[in-house]
Amino acid sequence: MRGRSWIKALRQDEARQVRARIAELERNLTVASPARGRQLQQDAGHELRNAKFRLELLEECIAAMH
């Protein structure tokens, strides 16, 4: 059976991936051209909000692990 440190490492790795995705989405939104389309910008905004929420949950989970 795997220990808490293994689970914590998995959560930390997942948090790093989510942070990278957030950075990518923010970069895409700031350099978005009008030709990109309003719907695509809205979709990226929704994904960004969901990723930030997921990151918050992961950080709470990691902090709760001793």
PDB file of N, CA and C in Angstrom:
ATOM      1  N   MET A   1       0.839  -1.174   0.000  1.00  0.00           N
ATOM      2  CA  MET A   1       0.000   0.000   0.000  1.00  0.00           C
ATOM      3  C   MET A   1       0.890   1.246   0.000  1.00  0.00           C
ATOM      4  N   ARG A   2       0.500   2.232  -0.736  1.00  0.00           N
ATOM      5  CA  ARG A   2       1.310   3.437  -0.845  1.00  0.00           C
ATOM      6  C   ARG A   2       0.962   4.409   0.269  1.00  0.00           C
ATOM      7  N   GLY A   3       1.956   5.205   0.650  1.00  0.00           N
ATOM      8  CA  GLY A   3       1.779   6.119   1.767  1.00  0.00           C
ATOM      9  C   GLY A   3       1.268   7.486   1.357  1.00  0.00           C
ATOM     10  N   ARG A   4       1.083   8.298   2.372  1.00  0.00           N
ATOM     11  CA  ARG A   4       0.576   9.650   2.148  1.00  0.00           C
ATOM     12  C   ARG A   4       1.540  10.486   1.317  1.00  0.00           C
ATOM     13  N   SER A   5       2.830  10.257   1.497  1.00  0.00           N
ATOM     14  CA  SER A   5       3.800  11.050   0.741  1.00  0.00           C
ATOM     15  C   SER A   5       3.655  10.802  -0.762  1.00  0.00           C
ATOM     16  N   TRP A   6       3.309   9.586  -1.138  1.00  0.00           N
ATOM     17  CA  TRP A   6       3.103   9.269  -2.556  1.00  0.00           C
ATOM     18  C   TRP A   6       1.886  10.006  -3.082  1.00  0.00           C
ATOM     19  N   ILE A   7       0.805   9.987  -2.322  1.00  0.00           N
ATOM     20  CA  ILE A   7      -0.415  10.681  -2.727  1.00  0.00           C
ATOM     21  C   ILE A   7      -0.166  12.186  -2.791  1.00  0.00           C
ATOM     22  N   LYS A   8       0.557  12.709  -1.814  1.00  0.00           N
ATOM     23  CA  LYS A   8       0.869  14.140  -1.799  1.00  0.00           C
ATOM     24  C   LYS A   8       1.701  14.515  -3.022  1.00  0.00           C
ATOM     25  N   ALA A   9       2.643  13.676  -3.390  1.00  0.00           N
ATOM     26  CA  ALA A   9       3.471  13.938  -4.572  1.00  0.00           C
ATOM     27  C   ALA A   9       2.608  13.942  -5.838  1.00  0.00           C
ATOM     28  N   LEU A  10       1.639  13.036  -5.910  1.00  0.00           N
ATOM     29  CA  LEU A  10       0.725  13.020  -7.061  1.00  0.00           C
ATOM     30  C   LEU A  10      -0.071  14.315  -7.140  1.00  0.00           C
ATOM     31  N   ARG A  11      -0.591  14.773  -6.011  1.00  0.00           N
ATOM     32  CA  ARG A  11      -1.371  16.014  -5.979  1.00  0.00           C
ATOM     33  C   ARG A  11      -0.509  17.216  -6.343  1.00  0.00           C
ATOM     34  N   GLN A  12       0.735  17.236  -5.868  1.00  0.00           N
ATOM     35  CA  GLN A  12       1.640  18.336  -6.196  1.00  0.00           C
ATOM     36  C   GLN A  12       1.960  18.354  -7.692  1.00  0.00           C
ATOM     37  N   ASP A  13       2.149  17.185  -8.270  1.00  0.00           N
ATOM     38  CA  ASP A  13       2.411  17.102  -9.703  1.00  0.00           C
ATOM     39  C   ASP A  13       1.199  17.575 -10.497  1.00  0.00           C
ATOM     40  N   GLU A  14       0.012  17.170 -10.057  1.00  0.00           N
ATOM     41  CA  GLU A  14      -1.207  17.612 -10.723  1.00  0.00           C
ATOM     42  C   GLU A  14      -1.366  19.129 -10.608  1.00  0.00           C
ATOM     43  N   ALA A  15      -1.025  19.691  -9.458  1.00  0.00           N
ATOM     44  CA  ALA A  15      -1.106  21.145  -9.258  1.00  0.00           C
ATOM     45  C   ALA A  15      -0.138  21.866 -10.195  1.00  0.00           C
ATOM     46  N   ARG A  16       1.057  21.311 -10.390  1.00  0.00           N
ATOM     47  CA  ARG A  16       2.019  21.916 -11.324  1.00  0.00           C
ATOM     48  C   ARG A  16       1.460  21.932 -12.746  1.00  0.00           C
ATOM     49  N   GLN A  17       0.811  20.841 -13.140  1.00  0.00           N
ATOM     50  CA  GLN A  17       0.222  20.764 -14.475  1.00  0.00           C
ATOM     51  C   GLN A  17      -0.911  21.777 -14.635  1.00  0.00           C
ATOM     52  N   VAL A  18      -1.728  21.928 -13.603  1.00  0.00           N
ATOM     53  CA  VAL A  18      -2.833  22.884 -13.661  1.00  0.00           C
ATOM     54  C   VAL A  18      -2.280  24.310 -13.725  1.00  0.00           C
ATOM     55  N   ARG A  19      -1.231  24.604 -12.955  1.00  0.00           N
ATOM     56  CA  ARG A  19      -0.605  25.934 -13.012  1.00  0.00           C
ATOM     57  C   ARG A  19      -0.080  26.235 -14.415  1.00  0.00           C
ATOM     58  N   ALA A  20       0.535  25.236 -15.045  1.00  0.00           N
ATOM     59  CA  ALA A  20       1.044  25.421 -16.399  1.00  0.00           C
ATOM     60  C   ALA A  20      -0.099  25.697 -17.374  1.00  0.00           C
ATOM     61  N   ARG A  21      -1.196  24.990 -17.224  1.00  0.00           N
ATOM     62  CA  ARG A  21      -2.364  25.205 -18.097  1.00  0.00           C
ATOM     63  C   ARG A  21      -2.966  26.594 -17.872  1.00  0.00           C
ATOM     64  N   ILE A  22      -3.012  27.037 -16.614  1.00  0.00           N
ATOM     65  CA  ILE A  22      -3.518  28.375 -16.304  1.00  0.00           C
ATOM     66  C   ILE A  22      -2.655  29.427 -16.975  1.00  0.00           C
ATOM     67  N   ALA A  23      -1.346  29.269 -16.886  1.00  0.00           N
ATOM     68  CA  ALA A  23      -0.428  30.230 -17.514  1.00  0.00           C
ATOM     69  C   ALA A  23      -0.640  30.266 -19.026  1.00  0.00           C
ATOM     70  N   GLU A  24      -0.819  29.100 -19.627  1.00  0.00           N
ATOM     71  CA  GLU A  24      -1.047  29.029 -21.071  1.00  0.00           C
ATOM     72  C   GLU A  24      -2.357  29.721 -21.458  1.00  0.00           C
ATOM     73  N   LEU A  25      -3.412  29.461 -20.703  1.00  0.00           N
ATOM     74  CA  LEU A  25      -4.704  30.078 -20.997  1.00  0.00           C
ATOM     75  C   LEU A  25      -4.655  31.596 -20.824  1.00  0.00           C
ATOM     76  N   GLU A  26      -3.985  32.065 -19.774  1.00  0.00           N
ATOM     77  CA  GLU A  26      -3.871  33.510 -19.557  1.00  0.00           C
ATOM     78  C   GLU A  26      -3.082  34.166 -20.681  1.00  0.00           C
ATOM     79  N   ARG A  27      -2.023  33.507 -21.111  1.00  0.00           N
ATOM     80  CA  ARG A  27      -1.212  34.028 -22.214  1.00  0.00           C
ATOM     81  C   ARG A  27      -2.046  34.109 -23.490  1.00  0.00           C
ATOM     82  N   ASN A  28      -2.831  33.073 -23.753  1.00  0.00           N
ATOM     83  CA  ASN A  28      -3.672  33.053 -24.944  1.00  0.00           C
ATOM     84  C   ASN A  28      -4.737  34.141 -24.908  1.00  0.00           C
ATOM     85  N   LEU A  29      -5.288  34.401 -23.739  1.00  0.00           N
ATOM     86  CA  LEU A  29      -6.325  35.435 -23.631  1.00  0.00           C
ATOM     87  C   LEU A  29      -5.754  36.835 -23.798  1.00  0.00           C
ATOM     88  N   THR A  30      -4.533  37.052 -23.321  1.00  0.00           N
ATOM     89  CA  THR A  30      -3.952  38.395 -23.410  1.00  0.00           C
ATOM     90  C   THR A  30      -3.489  38.726 -24.817  1.00  0.00           C
ATOM     91  N   VAL A  31      -3.136  37.732 -25.605  1.00  0.00           N
ATOM     92  CA  VAL A  31      -2.664  37.994 -26.968  1.00  0.00           C
ATOM     93  C   VAL A  31      -3.728  37.635 -28.006  1.00  0.00           C
ATOM     94  N   ALA A  32      -4.944  37.423 -27.545  1.00  0.00           N
ATOM     95  CA  ALA A  32      -6.015  37.017 -28.452  1.00  0.00           C
ATOM     96  C   ALA A  32      -6.335  38.131 -29.437  1.00  0.00           C
ATOM     97  N   SER A  33      -6.506  37.746 -30.664  1.00  0.00           N
ATOM     98  CA  SER A  33      -6.858  38.708 -31.707  1.00  0.00           C
ATOM     99  C   SER A  33      -8.366  38.715 -31.907  1.00  0.00           C
ATOM    100  N   PRO A  34      -8.901  39.790 -32.463  1.00  0.00           N
ATOM    101  CA  PRO A  34     -10.341  39.837 -32.720  1.00  0.00           C
ATOM    102  C   PRO A  34     -10.801  38.732 -33.670  1.00  0.00           C
ATOM    103  N   ALA A  35      -9.900  38.266 -34.514  1.00  0.00           N
ATOM    104  CA  ALA A  35     -10.256  37.217 -35.465  1.00  0.00           C
ATOM    105  C   ALA A  35     -10.484  35.871 -34.761  1.00  0.00           C
ATOM    106  N   ARG A  36     -10.030  35.780 -33.535  1.00  0.00           N
ATOM    107  CA  ARG A  36     -10.161  34.509 -32.812  1.00  0.00           C
ATOM    108  C   ARG A  36     -11.618  34.164 -32.539  1.00  0.00           C
ATOM    109  N   GLY A  37     -12.406  35.167 -32.345  1.00  0.00           N
ATOM    110  CA  GLY A  37     -13.825  34.916 -32.129  1.00  0.00           C
ATOM    111  C   GLY A  37     -14.219  35.011 -30.672  1.00  0.00           C
ATOM    112  N   ARG A  38     -15.367  35.600 -30.476  1.00  0.00           N
ATOM    113  CA  ARG A  38     -15.859  35.805 -29.113  1.00  0.00           C
ATOM    114  C   ARG A  38     -16.145  34.483 -28.401  1.00  0.00           C
ATOM    115  N   GLN A  39     -16.705  33.523 -29.097  1.00  0.00           N
ATOM    116  CA  GLN A  39     -17.044  32.247 -28.467  1.00  0.00           C
ATOM    117  C   GLN A  39     -15.794  31.517 -27.987  1.00  0.00           C
ATOM    118  N   LEU A  40     -14.737  31.538 -28.779  1.00  0.00           N
ATOM    119  CA  LEU A  40     -13.496  30.873 -28.367  1.00  0.00           C
ATOM    120  C   LEU A  40     -12.898  31.552 -27.143  1.00  0.00           C
ATOM    121  N   GLN A  41     -13.005  32.885 -27.072  1.00  0.00           N
ATOM    122  CA  GLN A  41     -12.496  33.597 -25.906  1.00  0.00           C
ATOM    123  C   GLN A  41     -13.323  33.246 -24.675  1.00  0.00           C
ATOM    124  N   GLN A  42     -14.631  33.144 -24.841  1.00  0.00           N
ATOM    125  CA  GLN A  42     -15.489  32.773 -23.714  1.00  0.00           C
ATOM    126  C   GLN A  42     -15.182  31.354 -23.245  1.00  0.00           C
ATOM    127  N   ASP A  43     -14.961  30.453 -24.180  1.00  0.00           N
ATOM    128  CA  ASP A  43     -14.621  29.071 -23.817  1.00  0.00           C
ATOM    129  C   ASP A  43     -13.307  29.025 -23.039  1.00  0.00           C
ATOM    130  N   ALA A  44     -12.329  29.788 -23.498  1.00  0.00           N
ATOM    131  CA  ALA A  44     -11.043  29.837 -22.801  1.00  0.00           C
ATOM    132  C   ALA A  44     -11.214  30.446 -21.409  1.00  0.00           C
ATOM    133  N   GLY A  45     -12.072  31.449 -21.296  1.00  0.00           N
ATOM    134  CA  GLY A  45     -12.342  32.052 -19.999  1.00  0.00           C
ATOM    135  C   GLY A  45     -12.980  31.075 -19.026  1.00  0.00           C
ATOM    136  N   HIS A  46     -13.928  30.278 -19.518  1.00  0.00           N
ATOM    137  CA  HIS A  46     -14.564  29.263 -18.674  1.00  0.00           C
ATOM    138  C   HIS A  46     -13.547  28.210 -18.243  1.00  0.00           C
ATOM    139  N   GLU A  47     -12.719  27.784 -19.179  1.00  0.00           N
ATOM    140  CA  GLU A  47     -11.699  26.788 -18.838  1.00  0.00           C
ATOM    141  C   GLU A  47     -10.717  27.346 -17.819  1.00  0.00           C
ATOM    142  N   LEU A  48     -10.374  28.615 -17.958  1.00  0.00           N
ATOM    143  CA  LEU A  48      -9.460  29.263 -17.018  1.00  0.00           C
ATOM    144  C   LEU A  48     -10.079  29.305 -15.618  1.00  0.00           C
ATOM    145  N   ARG A  49     -11.332  29.676 -15.537  1.00  0.00           N
ATOM    146  CA  ARG A  49     -12.007  29.738 -14.237  1.00  0.00           C
ATOM    147  C   ARG A  49     -12.062  28.349 -13.601  1.00  0.00           C
ATOM    148  N   ASN A  50     -12.372  27.326 -14.389  1.00  0.00           N
ATOM    149  CA  ASN A  50     -12.420  25.958 -13.867  1.00  0.00           C
ATOM    150  C   ASN A  50     -11.045  25.480 -13.410  1.00  0.00           C
ATOM    151  N   ALA A  51     -10.007  25.833 -14.161  1.00  0.00           N
ATOM    152  CA  ALA A  51      -8.655  25.423 -13.792  1.00  0.00           C
ATOM    153  C   ALA A  51      -8.228  26.094 -12.486  1.00  0.00           C
ATOM    154  N   LYS A  52      -8.588  27.362 -12.309  1.00  0.00           N
ATOM    155  CA  LYS A  52      -8.241  28.055 -11.064  1.00  0.00           C
ATOM    156  C   LYS A  52      -8.973  27.439  -9.882  1.00  0.00           C
ATOM    157  N   PHE A  53     -10.226  27.049 -10.088  1.00  0.00           N
ATOM    158  CA  PHE A  53     -10.986  26.393  -9.028  1.00  0.00           C
ATOM    159  C   PHE A  53     -10.348  25.046  -8.688  1.00  0.00           C
ATOM    160  N   ARG A  54      -9.969  24.284  -9.705  1.00  0.00           N
ATOM    161  CA  ARG A  54      -9.320  22.985  -9.488  1.00  0.00           C
ATOM    162  C   ARG A  54      -8.013  23.152  -8.728  1.00  0.00           C
ATOM    163  N   LEU A  55      -7.238  24.181  -9.085  1.00  0.00           N
ATOM    164  CA  LEU A  55      -5.974  24.440  -8.405  1.00  0.00           C
ATOM    165  C   LEU A  55      -6.218  24.779  -6.936  1.00  0.00           C
ATOM    166  N   GLU A  56      -7.239  25.559  -6.663  1.00  0.00           N
ATOM    167  CA  GLU A  56      -7.562  25.909  -5.285  1.00  0.00           C
ATOM    168  C   GLU A  56      -7.882  24.658  -4.474  1.00  0.00           C
ATOM    169  N   LEU A  57      -8.667  23.756  -5.054  1.00  0.00           N
ATOM    170  CA  LEU A  57      -8.996  22.506  -4.366  1.00  0.00           C
ATOM    171  C   LEU A  57      -7.759  21.654  -4.125  1.00  0.00           C
ATOM    172  N   LEU A  58      -6.894  21.579  -5.118  1.00  0.00           N
ATOM    173  CA  LEU A  58      -5.665  20.795  -4.971  1.00  0.00           C
ATOM    174  C   LEU A  58      -4.775  21.383  -3.878  1.00  0.00           C
ATOM    175  N   GLU A  59      -4.655  22.709  -3.848  1.00  0.00           N
ATOM    176  CA  GLU A  59      -3.813  23.342  -2.829  1.00  0.00           C
ATOM    177  C   GLU A  59      -4.378  23.108  -1.433  1.00  0.00           C
ATOM    178  N   GLU A  60      -5.692  23.127  -1.284  1.00  0.00           N
ATOM    179  CA  GLU A  60      -6.307  22.835   0.006  1.00  0.00           C
ATOM    180  C   GLU A  60      -6.033  21.381   0.412  1.00  0.00           C
ATOM    181  N   CYS A  61      -6.126  20.492  -0.549  1.00  0.00           N
ATOM    182  CA  CYS A  61      -5.871  19.076  -0.296  1.00  0.00           C
ATOM    183  C   CYS A  61      -4.412  18.854   0.135  1.00  0.00           C
ATOM    184  N   ILE A  62      -3.497  19.493  -0.564  1.00  0.00           N
ATOM    185  CA  ILE A  62      -2.071  19.351  -0.241  1.00  0.00           C
ATOM    186  C   ILE A  62      -1.783  19.928   1.134  1.00  0.00           C
ATOM    187  N   ALA A  63      -2.371  21.077   1.442  1.00  0.00           N
ATOM    188  CA  ALA A  63      -2.150  21.702   2.748  1.00  0.00           C
ATOM    189  C   ALA A  63      -2.698  20.845   3.890  1.00  0.00           C
ATOM    190  N   ALA A  64      -3.767  20.099   3.627  1.00  0.00           N
ATOM    191  CA  ALA A  64      -4.368  19.271   4.677  1.00  0.00           C
ATOM    192  C   ALA A  64      -3.556  18.019   4.969  1.00  0.00           C
ATOM    193  N   MET A  65      -2.695  17.626   4.045  1.00  0.00           N
ATOM    194  CA  MET A  65      -1.863  16.442   4.255  1.00  0.00           C
ATOM    195  C   MET A  65      -0.653  16.827   5.104  1.00  0.00           C
ATOM    196  N   HIS A  66      -0.453  16.107   6.177  1.00  0.00           N
ATOM    197  CA  HIS A  66       0.653  16.423   7.085  1.00  0.00           C
ATOM    198  C   HIS A  66       1.909  15.738   6.651  1.00  0.00           C
TER     199      HIS A  66
END
